[in-house]
Amino acid sequence: MLGRDHALSGALAFAALAPEMHVSAAYLATGIALSAGAGVLPDIDHPDSSIALTFGFLSNSFSWLVQKISGGHRHLTHAIPGILVFTAGALTAGRYQLSGPHPPYAAPGSPAWHPALFWHLVPAGIFLTLLYAAALRALKIGGHHGDLIAMAGAAATIYFGADLDVIQFGPWHVPLIGLATGIGCVAHIVGDELTHGGCPLLYPVSDHEFHLLPRPLQITTAKIAESYVVFPLLAIGLAFAVWNAVHPGR
């Protein structure tokens, strides 16, 4: 699937689940934005993907390295171990953010602020900026100013601690940064399983490609079915899911 559809599917998945997870309206936008970015995260194994081009040479070089280590495009990053690694990385960044030298969210200049806090915010800041920028790039929003918008969004998210808001997901209580990352990555895999390529969910144990549709119904990336059927359905579904999340019970 195209990057824009992966971003939309990630956002749609989070918005659709928001009422069941009792996500407050204050954190709904953050969760949708994070999941949209995570929706393109597995494609970090492709140097020409939206997320690989986000930070220019740096992210592109990292993408090349991931491609070599993961076995190529649609291998390890598109399998269950890849989803677990991405989610664990997000949770680790959030946990490190919380381990700062003072209670979180204190404003700079306040008695609780400590210069050493900066280093505890760096991993989460980079990760959030990457996801926001990738989502904006995939959806072609912001143009050349997209990265600046992403940086501002990441800074605001960290300042208010929105990424660390704990959400109940089934029997678990998970920080938003980890939950949104996992949801977005799963949505990406589901989307690719609708295509002819499928996804090797059990890689590296098995190269078997899993599909959600029988072969006659599988779509080809960037062709008529995706552009004129999948994309409009995702856009309409996202609008409805957001409305339902904002107005639960109606």
C-alpha atoms as a PDB file:
ATOM      1  CA  MET A   1       0.000   0.000   0.000  1.00  0.00           C
ATOM      2  CA  LEU A   2       1.000   3.613  -0.479  1.00  0.00           C
ATOM      3  CA  GLY A   3       2.326   5.619   2.459  1.00  0.00           C
ATOM      4  CA  ARG A   4      -0.747   7.849   2.582  1.00  0.00           C
ATOM      5  CA  ASP A   5      -3.023   4.828   2.991  1.00  0.00           C
ATOM      6  CA  HIS A   6      -0.805   3.313   5.663  1.00  0.00           C
ATOM      7  CA  ALA A   7      -0.931   6.609   7.572  1.00  0.00           C
ATOM      8  CA  LEU A   8      -4.713   6.792   7.222  1.00  0.00           C
ATOM      9  CA  SER A   9      -5.141   3.178   8.286  1.00  0.00           C
ATOM     10  CA  GLY A  10      -3.055   3.764  11.415  1.00  0.00           C
ATOM     11  CA  ALA A  11      -5.098   6.842  12.303  1.00  0.00           C
ATOM     12  CA  LEU A  12      -8.349   5.016  11.559  1.00  0.00           C
ATOM     13  CA  ALA A  13      -7.405   2.039  13.732  1.00  0.00           C
ATOM     14  CA  PHE A  14      -6.682   4.241  16.747  1.00  0.00           C
ATOM     15  CA  ALA A  15      -9.779   6.400  16.278  1.00  0.00           C
ATOM     16  CA  ALA A  16     -11.971   3.308  15.923  1.00  0.00           C
ATOM     17  CA  LEU A  17     -10.563   1.777  19.119  1.00  0.00           C
ATOM     18  CA  ALA A  18     -10.569   5.039  21.099  1.00  0.00           C
ATOM     19  CA  PRO A  19     -14.084   4.673  22.566  1.00  0.00           C
ATOM     20  CA  GLU A  20     -13.313   1.136  23.784  1.00  0.00           C
ATOM     21  CA  MET A  21     -10.037   2.341  25.321  1.00  0.00           C
ATOM     22  CA  HIS A  22     -11.782   5.333  26.916  1.00  0.00           C
ATOM     23  CA  VAL A  23      -9.306   7.775  25.388  1.00  0.00           C
ATOM     24  CA  SER A  24     -10.158  11.287  26.514  1.00  0.00           C
ATOM     25  CA  ALA A  25     -10.760  13.972  23.919  1.00  0.00           C
ATOM     26  CA  ALA A  26      -7.620  15.748  25.130  1.00  0.00           C
ATOM     27  CA  TYR A  27      -5.414  12.879  23.982  1.00  0.00           C
ATOM     28  CA  LEU A  28      -7.407  11.668  20.984  1.00  0.00           C
ATOM     29  CA  ALA A  29      -5.583  13.899  18.484  1.00  0.00           C
ATOM     30  CA  THR A  30      -2.201  12.830  19.861  1.00  0.00           C
ATOM     31  CA  GLY A  31      -3.071   9.156  19.580  1.00  0.00           C
ATOM     32  CA  ILE A  32      -4.369   9.557  16.034  1.00  0.00           C
ATOM     33  CA  ALA A  33      -1.267  11.482  14.964  1.00  0.00           C
ATOM     34  CA  LEU A  34       1.097   8.972  16.571  1.00  0.00           C
ATOM     35  CA  SER A  35      -0.726   6.009  15.029  1.00  0.00           C
ATOM     36  CA  ALA A  36      -0.682   7.688  11.622  1.00  0.00           C
ATOM     37  CA  GLY A  37       3.087   7.986  11.865  1.00  0.00           C
ATOM     38  CA  ALA A  38       3.443   4.452  13.186  1.00  0.00           C
ATOM     39  CA  GLY A  39       1.317   3.372  10.241  1.00  0.00           C
ATOM     40  CA  VAL A  40       4.293   4.025   7.957  1.00  0.00           C
ATOM     41  CA  LEU A  41       6.985   2.952  10.459  1.00  0.00           C
ATOM     42  CA  PRO A  42       7.437  -0.648   9.187  1.00  0.00           C
ATOM     43  CA  ASP A  43       8.496   0.777   5.819  1.00  0.00           C
ATOM     44  CA  ILE A  44      11.705   2.044   7.428  1.00  0.00           C
ATOM     45  CA  ASP A  45      13.171  -0.998   5.656  1.00  0.00           C
ATOM     46  CA  HIS A  46      12.706   0.755   2.279  1.00  0.00           C
ATOM     47  CA  PRO A  47      15.083   3.687   1.516  1.00  0.00           C
ATOM     48  CA  ASP A  48      12.502   5.369  -0.742  1.00  0.00           C
ATOM     49  CA  SER A  49       9.646   5.278   1.758  1.00  0.00           C
ATOM     50  CA  SER A  50       8.115   8.365   3.368  1.00  0.00           C
ATOM     51  CA  ILE A  51       9.635   7.643   6.756  1.00  0.00           C
ATOM     52  CA  ALA A  52      13.076   6.890   5.321  1.00  0.00           C
ATOM     53  CA  LEU A  53      13.165  10.319   3.658  1.00  0.00           C
ATOM     54  CA  THR A  54      11.970  12.207   6.747  1.00  0.00           C
ATOM     55  CA  PHE A  55      15.359  13.227   8.169  1.00  0.00           C
ATOM     56  CA  GLY A  56      17.187  13.253   4.853  1.00  0.00           C
ATOM     57  CA  PHE A  57      20.582  11.566   4.805  1.00  0.00           C
ATOM     58  CA  LEU A  58      20.341  10.417   8.425  1.00  0.00           C
ATOM     59  CA  SER A  59      17.042   8.540   8.168  1.00  0.00           C
ATOM     60  CA  ASN A  60      17.837   7.312   4.664  1.00  0.00           C
ATOM     61  CA  SER A  61      21.139   5.824   5.818  1.00  0.00           C
ATOM     62  CA  PHE A  62      19.414   4.228   8.805  1.00  0.00           C
ATOM     63  CA  SER A  63      16.783   2.810   6.459  1.00  0.00           C
ATOM     64  CA  TRP A  64      19.486   1.283   4.284  1.00  0.00           C
ATOM     65  CA  LEU A  65      20.986  -0.333   7.371  1.00  0.00           C
ATOM     66  CA  VAL A  66      17.600  -1.675   8.514  1.00  0.00           C
ATOM     67  CA  GLN A  67      16.993  -3.078   5.036  1.00  0.00           C
ATOM     68  CA  LYS A  68      20.247  -5.029   5.182  1.00  0.00           C
ATOM     69  CA  ILE A  69      19.730  -6.303   8.718  1.00  0.00           C
ATOM     70  CA  SER A  70      16.043  -7.161   8.367  1.00  0.00           C
ATOM     71  CA  GLY A  71      16.379  -9.227   5.205  1.00  0.00           C
ATOM     72  CA  GLY A  72      14.975  -6.662   2.769  1.00  0.00           C
ATOM     73  CA  HIS A  73      11.670  -4.898   2.275  1.00  0.00           C
ATOM     74  CA  ARG A  74       8.630  -6.599   3.836  1.00  0.00           C
ATOM     75  CA  HIS A  75      10.607  -8.996   5.947  1.00  0.00           C
ATOM     76  CA  LEU A  76      11.481  -8.542   9.624  1.00  0.00           C
ATOM     77  CA  THR A  77       9.869  -5.104  10.015  1.00  0.00           C
ATOM     78  CA  HIS A  78       6.652  -6.539   8.560  1.00  0.00           C
ATOM     79  CA  ALA A  79       6.577  -9.519  10.905  1.00  0.00           C
ATOM     80  CA  ILE A  80       5.462 -10.049  14.503  1.00  0.00           C
ATOM     81  CA  PRO A  81       9.027  -9.588  15.875  1.00  0.00           C
ATOM     82  CA  GLY A  82       9.248  -6.251  14.072  1.00  0.00           C
ATOM     83  CA  ILE A  83       6.012  -5.002  15.642  1.00  0.00           C
ATOM     84  CA  LEU A  84       7.297  -6.034  19.072  1.00  0.00           C
ATOM     85  CA  VAL A  85      10.640  -4.282  18.544  1.00  0.00           C
ATOM     86  CA  PHE A  86       8.993  -1.029  17.397  1.00  0.00           C
ATOM     87  CA  THR A  87       6.562  -1.072  20.321  1.00  0.00           C
ATOM     88  CA  ALA A  88       9.275  -1.925  22.838  1.00  0.00           C
ATOM     89  CA  GLY A  89      11.424   0.906  21.478  1.00  0.00           C
ATOM     90  CA  ALA A  90       8.574   3.385  21.919  1.00  0.00           C
ATOM     91  CA  LEU A  91       7.910   2.165  25.469  1.00  0.00           C
ATOM     92  CA  THR A  92      11.609   2.426  26.314  1.00  0.00           C
ATOM     93  CA  ALA A  93      11.732   6.021  25.085  1.00  0.00           C
ATOM     94  CA  GLY A  94       8.683   6.827  27.203  1.00  0.00           C
ATOM     95  CA  ARG A  95      10.114   5.097  30.263  1.00  0.00           C
ATOM     96  CA  TYR A  96      13.391   7.014  29.903  1.00  0.00           C
ATOM     97  CA  GLN A  97      11.413  10.232  29.575  1.00  0.00           C
ATOM     98  CA  LEU A  98       9.742   9.452  32.898  1.00  0.00           C
ATOM     99  CA  SER A  99      13.051   8.693  34.594  1.00  0.00           C
ATOM    100  CA  GLY A 100      14.134  12.347  34.467  1.00  0.00           C
ATOM    101  CA  PRO A 101      15.492  14.173  37.518  1.00  0.00           C
ATOM    102  CA  HIS A 102      12.134  15.704  38.460  1.00  0.00           C
ATOM    103  CA  PRO A 103       8.411  14.992  38.165  1.00  0.00           C
ATOM    104  CA  PRO A 104       7.400  15.199  34.514  1.00  0.00           C
ATOM    105  CA  TYR A 105       5.835  18.158  32.756  1.00  0.00           C
ATOM    106  CA  ALA A 106       7.372  20.912  34.920  1.00  0.00           C
ATOM    107  CA  ALA A 107       7.705  24.079  32.868  1.00  0.00           C
ATOM    108  CA  PRO A 108      11.196  25.426  32.123  1.00  0.00           C
ATOM    109  CA  GLY A 109      12.100  28.033  34.691  1.00  0.00           C
ATOM    110  CA  SER A 110      10.010  26.470  37.450  1.00  0.00           C
ATOM    111  CA  PRO A 111      11.714  25.226  40.631  1.00  0.00           C
ATOM    112  CA  ALA A 112      11.264  21.626  39.499  1.00  0.00           C
ATOM    113  CA  TRP A 113      13.049  22.089  36.168  1.00  0.00           C
ATOM    114  CA  HIS A 114      16.512  20.555  35.891  1.00  0.00           C
ATOM    115  CA  PRO A 115      18.890  20.908  32.879  1.00  0.00           C
ATOM    116  CA  ALA A 116      19.617  17.169  32.952  1.00  0.00           C
ATOM    117  CA  LEU A 117      15.997  16.552  32.006  1.00  0.00           C
ATOM    118  CA  PHE A 118      16.873  17.494  28.438  1.00  0.00           C
ATOM    119  CA  TRP A 119      18.707  14.219  27.845  1.00  0.00           C
ATOM    120  CA  HIS A 120      15.777  12.222  29.160  1.00  0.00           C
ATOM    121  CA  LEU A 121      13.518  13.868  26.596  1.00  0.00           C
ATOM    122  CA  VAL A 122      15.773  13.332  23.574  1.00  0.00           C
ATOM    123  CA  PRO A 123      14.814   9.716  22.635  1.00  0.00           C
ATOM    124  CA  ALA A 124      11.066  10.405  22.893  1.00  0.00           C
ATOM    125  CA  GLY A 125      11.496  13.734  21.118  1.00  0.00           C
ATOM    126  CA  ILE A 126      13.303  12.160  18.173  1.00  0.00           C
ATOM    127  CA  PHE A 127      10.826   9.298  17.960  1.00  0.00           C
ATOM    128  CA  LEU A 128       7.770  11.570  18.112  1.00  0.00           C
ATOM    129  CA  THR A 129       9.227  13.962  15.548  1.00  0.00           C
ATOM    130  CA  LEU A 130       9.980  11.038  13.237  1.00  0.00           C
ATOM    131  CA  LEU A 131       6.422   9.708  13.450  1.00  0.00           C
ATOM    132  CA  TYR A 132       4.762  13.110  13.058  1.00  0.00           C
ATOM    133  CA  ALA A 133       7.009  14.117  10.158  1.00  0.00           C
ATOM    134  CA  ALA A 134       6.536  10.767   8.417  1.00  0.00           C
ATOM    135  CA  ALA A 135       2.755  11.029   8.701  1.00  0.00           C
ATOM    136  CA  LEU A 136       2.742  14.572   7.327  1.00  0.00           C
ATOM    137  CA  ARG A 137       5.056  13.590   4.487  1.00  0.00           C
ATOM    138  CA  ALA A 138       2.983  10.520   3.606  1.00  0.00           C
ATOM    139  CA  LEU A 139      -0.234  12.579   3.589  1.00  0.00           C
ATOM    140  CA  LYS A 140       1.491  15.461   1.752  1.00  0.00           C
ATOM    141  CA  ILE A 141       0.593  17.943   4.499  1.00  0.00           C
ATOM    142  CA  GLY A 142       2.798  20.877   5.424  1.00  0.00           C
ATOM    143  CA  GLY A 143       5.095  20.794   2.406  1.00  0.00           C
ATOM    144  CA  HIS A 144       8.612  22.024   3.201  1.00  0.00           C
ATOM    145  CA  HIS A 145       7.434  23.151   6.622  1.00  0.00           C
ATOM    146  CA  GLY A 146       6.230  19.670   7.581  1.00  0.00           C
ATOM    147  CA  ASP A 147       9.347  18.865   9.607  1.00  0.00           C
ATOM    148  CA  LEU A 148       9.027  22.112  11.565  1.00  0.00           C
ATOM    149  CA  ILE A 149       5.375  21.310  12.294  1.00  0.00           C
ATOM    150  CA  ALA A 150       6.436  17.835  13.437  1.00  0.00           C
ATOM    151  CA  MET A 151       9.115  19.258  15.753  1.00  0.00           C
ATOM    152  CA  ALA A 152       6.641  21.689  17.275  1.00  0.00           C
ATOM    153  CA  GLY A 153       4.093  18.910  17.703  1.00  0.00           C
ATOM    154  CA  ALA A 154       6.643  16.638  19.359  1.00  0.00           C
ATOM    155  CA  ALA A 155       7.736  19.417  21.724  1.00  0.00           C
ATOM    156  CA  ALA A 156       4.131  20.160  22.703  1.00  0.00           C
ATOM    157  CA  THR A 157       3.377  16.457  23.189  1.00  0.00           C
ATOM    158  CA  ILE A 158       6.318  16.027  25.538  1.00  0.00           C
ATOM    159  CA  TYR A 159       5.695  19.300  27.371  1.00  0.00           C
ATOM    160  CA  PHE A 160       2.141  18.286  28.257  1.00  0.00           C
ATOM    161  CA  GLY A 161       3.078  14.633  28.783  1.00  0.00           C
ATOM    162  CA  ALA A 162       0.417  13.469  26.331  1.00  0.00           C
ATOM    163  CA  ASP A 163       2.608  10.629  25.064  1.00  0.00           C
ATOM    164  CA  LEU A 164       2.776   9.190  28.587  1.00  0.00           C
ATOM    165  CA  ASP A 165      -0.955   9.196  29.260  1.00  0.00           C
ATOM    166  CA  VAL A 166      -1.795   5.665  30.391  1.00  0.00           C
ATOM    167  CA  ILE A 167      -4.529   3.972  28.336  1.00  0.00           C
ATOM    168  CA  GLN A 168      -6.346   0.777  29.256  1.00  0.00           C
ATOM    169  CA  PHE A 169      -6.079  -1.728  26.430  1.00  0.00           C
ATOM    170  CA  GLY A 170      -7.865  -4.910  27.473  1.00  0.00           C
ATOM    171  CA  PRO A 171      -6.246  -6.078  30.726  1.00  0.00           C
ATOM    172  CA  TRP A 172      -3.163  -3.895  30.183  1.00  0.00           C
ATOM    173  CA  HIS A 173      -2.424  -0.270  31.012  1.00  0.00           C
ATOM    174  CA  VAL A 174      -0.069   1.107  28.362  1.00  0.00           C
ATOM    175  CA  PRO A 175       1.453   4.582  27.821  1.00  0.00           C
ATOM    176  CA  LEU A 176       0.028   6.250  24.729  1.00  0.00           C
ATOM    177  CA  ILE A 177       3.390   6.348  22.949  1.00  0.00           C
ATOM    178  CA  GLY A 178       3.664   2.550  23.050  1.00  0.00           C
ATOM    179  CA  LEU A 179       0.023   1.773  22.392  1.00  0.00           C
ATOM    180  CA  ALA A 180      -0.248   4.092  19.380  1.00  0.00           C
ATOM    181  CA  THR A 181       2.978   2.680  17.939  1.00  0.00           C
ATOM    182  CA  GLY A 182       1.728  -0.885  18.230  1.00  0.00           C
ATOM    183  CA  ILE A 183      -1.676  -0.053  16.749  1.00  0.00           C
ATOM    184  CA  GLY A 184      -0.151   1.820  13.819  1.00  0.00           C
ATOM    185  CA  CYS A 185       2.296  -0.983  13.025  1.00  0.00           C
ATOM    186  CA  VAL A 186      -0.439  -3.629  13.149  1.00  0.00           C
ATOM    187  CA  ALA A 187      -2.596  -1.501  10.843  1.00  0.00           C
ATOM    188  CA  HIS A 188       0.331  -1.337   8.408  1.00  0.00           C
ATOM    189  CA  ILE A 189       0.703  -5.110   8.373  1.00  0.00           C
ATOM    190  CA  VAL A 190      -3.040  -5.589   7.872  1.00  0.00           C
ATOM    191  CA  GLY A 191      -2.952  -3.192   4.931  1.00  0.00           C
ATOM    192  CA  ASP A 192      -0.070  -5.007   3.257  1.00  0.00           C
ATOM    193  CA  GLU A 193      -1.853  -8.320   3.743  1.00  0.00           C
ATOM    194  CA  LEU A 194      -4.579  -7.004   1.461  1.00  0.00           C
ATOM    195  CA  THR A 195      -2.048  -6.762  -1.378  1.00  0.00           C
ATOM    196  CA  HIS A 196      -0.521  -9.416  -3.614  1.00  0.00           C
ATOM    197  CA  GLY A 197       2.761  -9.214  -1.691  1.00  0.00           C
ATOM    198  CA  GLY A 198       1.341 -10.141   1.709  1.00  0.00           C
ATOM    199  CA  CYS A 199       3.499 -10.201   4.860  1.00  0.00           C
ATOM    200  CA  PRO A 200       5.764 -12.915   6.334  1.00  0.00           C
ATOM    201  CA  LEU A 201       4.350 -12.640   9.869  1.00  0.00           C
ATOM    202  CA  LEU A 202       6.555 -15.410  11.245  1.00  0.00           C
ATOM    203  CA  TYR A 203       9.834 -14.207   9.723  1.00  0.00           C
ATOM    204  CA  PRO A 204      12.655 -15.156  10.335  1.00  0.00           C
ATOM    205  CA  VAL A 205      11.217 -18.543  11.363  1.00  0.00           C
ATOM    206  CA  SER A 206       9.231 -18.801   8.113  1.00  0.00           C
ATOM    207  CA  ASP A 207       9.090 -16.888   4.811  1.00  0.00           C
ATOM    208  CA  HIS A 208       5.438 -17.790   4.278  1.00  0.00           C
ATOM    209  CA  GLU A 209       3.456 -14.731   3.161  1.00  0.00           C
ATOM    210  CA  PHE A 210       0.099 -14.277   4.846  1.00  0.00           C
ATOM    211  CA  HIS A 211      -2.873 -12.700   3.045  1.00  0.00           C
ATOM    212  CA  LEU A 212      -6.278 -11.586   4.305  1.00  0.00           C
ATOM    213  CA  LEU A 213      -8.019 -11.925   0.934  1.00  0.00           C
ATOM    214  CA  PRO A 214      -8.161 -14.671  -1.695  1.00  0.00           C
ATOM    215  CA  ARG A 215      -5.915 -13.950  -4.666  1.00  0.00           C
ATOM    216  CA  PRO A 216      -8.648 -12.627  -7.007  1.00  0.00           C
ATOM    217  CA  LEU A 217      -9.523  -9.914  -4.452  1.00  0.00           C
ATOM    218  CA  GLN A 218      -5.973  -8.880  -3.538  1.00  0.00           C
ATOM    219  CA  ILE A 219      -5.044  -5.355  -4.593  1.00  0.00           C
ATOM    220  CA  THR A 220      -1.960  -4.037  -6.358  1.00  0.00           C
ATOM    221  CA  THR A 221      -0.210  -1.064  -4.785  1.00  0.00           C
ATOM    222  CA  ALA A 222      -0.860   2.337  -6.426  1.00  0.00           C
ATOM    223  CA  LYS A 223      -3.362   0.927  -8.923  1.00  0.00           C
ATOM    224  CA  ILE A 224      -7.043   1.795  -9.473  1.00  0.00           C
ATOM    225  CA  ALA A 225      -8.408  -0.269  -6.580  1.00  0.00           C
ATOM    226  CA  GLU A 226      -6.181   1.421  -4.016  1.00  0.00           C
ATOM    227  CA  SER A 227      -6.538   4.941  -5.378  1.00  0.00           C
ATOM    228  CA  TYR A 228     -10.287   4.934  -6.017  1.00  0.00           C
ATOM    229  CA  VAL A 229     -11.612   2.385  -3.532  1.00  0.00           C
ATOM    230  CA  VAL A 230      -9.244   1.890  -0.583  1.00  0.00           C
ATOM    231  CA  PHE A 231      -8.185   5.522  -0.150  1.00  0.00           C
ATOM    232  CA  PRO A 232     -11.737   6.995  -0.155  1.00  0.00           C
ATOM    233  CA  LEU A 233     -12.964   4.269   2.210  1.00  0.00           C
ATOM    234  CA  LEU A 234     -10.117   4.952   4.630  1.00  0.00           C
ATOM    235  CA  ALA A 235     -10.766   8.707   4.538  1.00  0.00           C
ATOM    236  CA  ILE A 236     -14.509   8.267   5.117  1.00  0.00           C
ATOM    237  CA  GLY A 237     -13.902   5.647   7.794  1.00  0.00           C
ATOM    238  CA  LEU A 238     -11.465   7.939   9.625  1.00  0.00           C
ATOM    239  CA  ALA A 239     -13.925  10.841   9.597  1.00  0.00           C
ATOM    240  CA  PHE A 240     -16.682   8.617  10.979  1.00  0.00           C
ATOM    241  CA  ALA A 241     -14.402   7.038  13.602  1.00  0.00           C
ATOM    242  CA  VAL A 242     -13.245  10.459  14.843  1.00  0.00           C
ATOM    243  CA  TRP A 243     -16.851  11.681  15.063  1.00  0.00           C
ATOM    244  CA  ASN A 244     -17.823   8.550  16.978  1.00  0.00           C
ATOM    245  CA  ALA A 245     -14.847   8.924  19.346  1.00  0.00           C
ATOM    246  CA  VAL A 246     -15.730  12.551  20.064  1.00  0.00           C
ATOM    247  CA  HIS A 247     -19.461  11.769  20.452  1.00  0.00           C
ATOM    248  CA  PRO A 248     -19.543   8.295  22.051  1.00  0.00           C
ATOM    249  CA  GLY A 249     -22.922   6.721  22.622  1.00  0.00           C
ATOM    250  CA  ARG A 250     -24.773   8.729  19.984  1.00  0.00           C
END
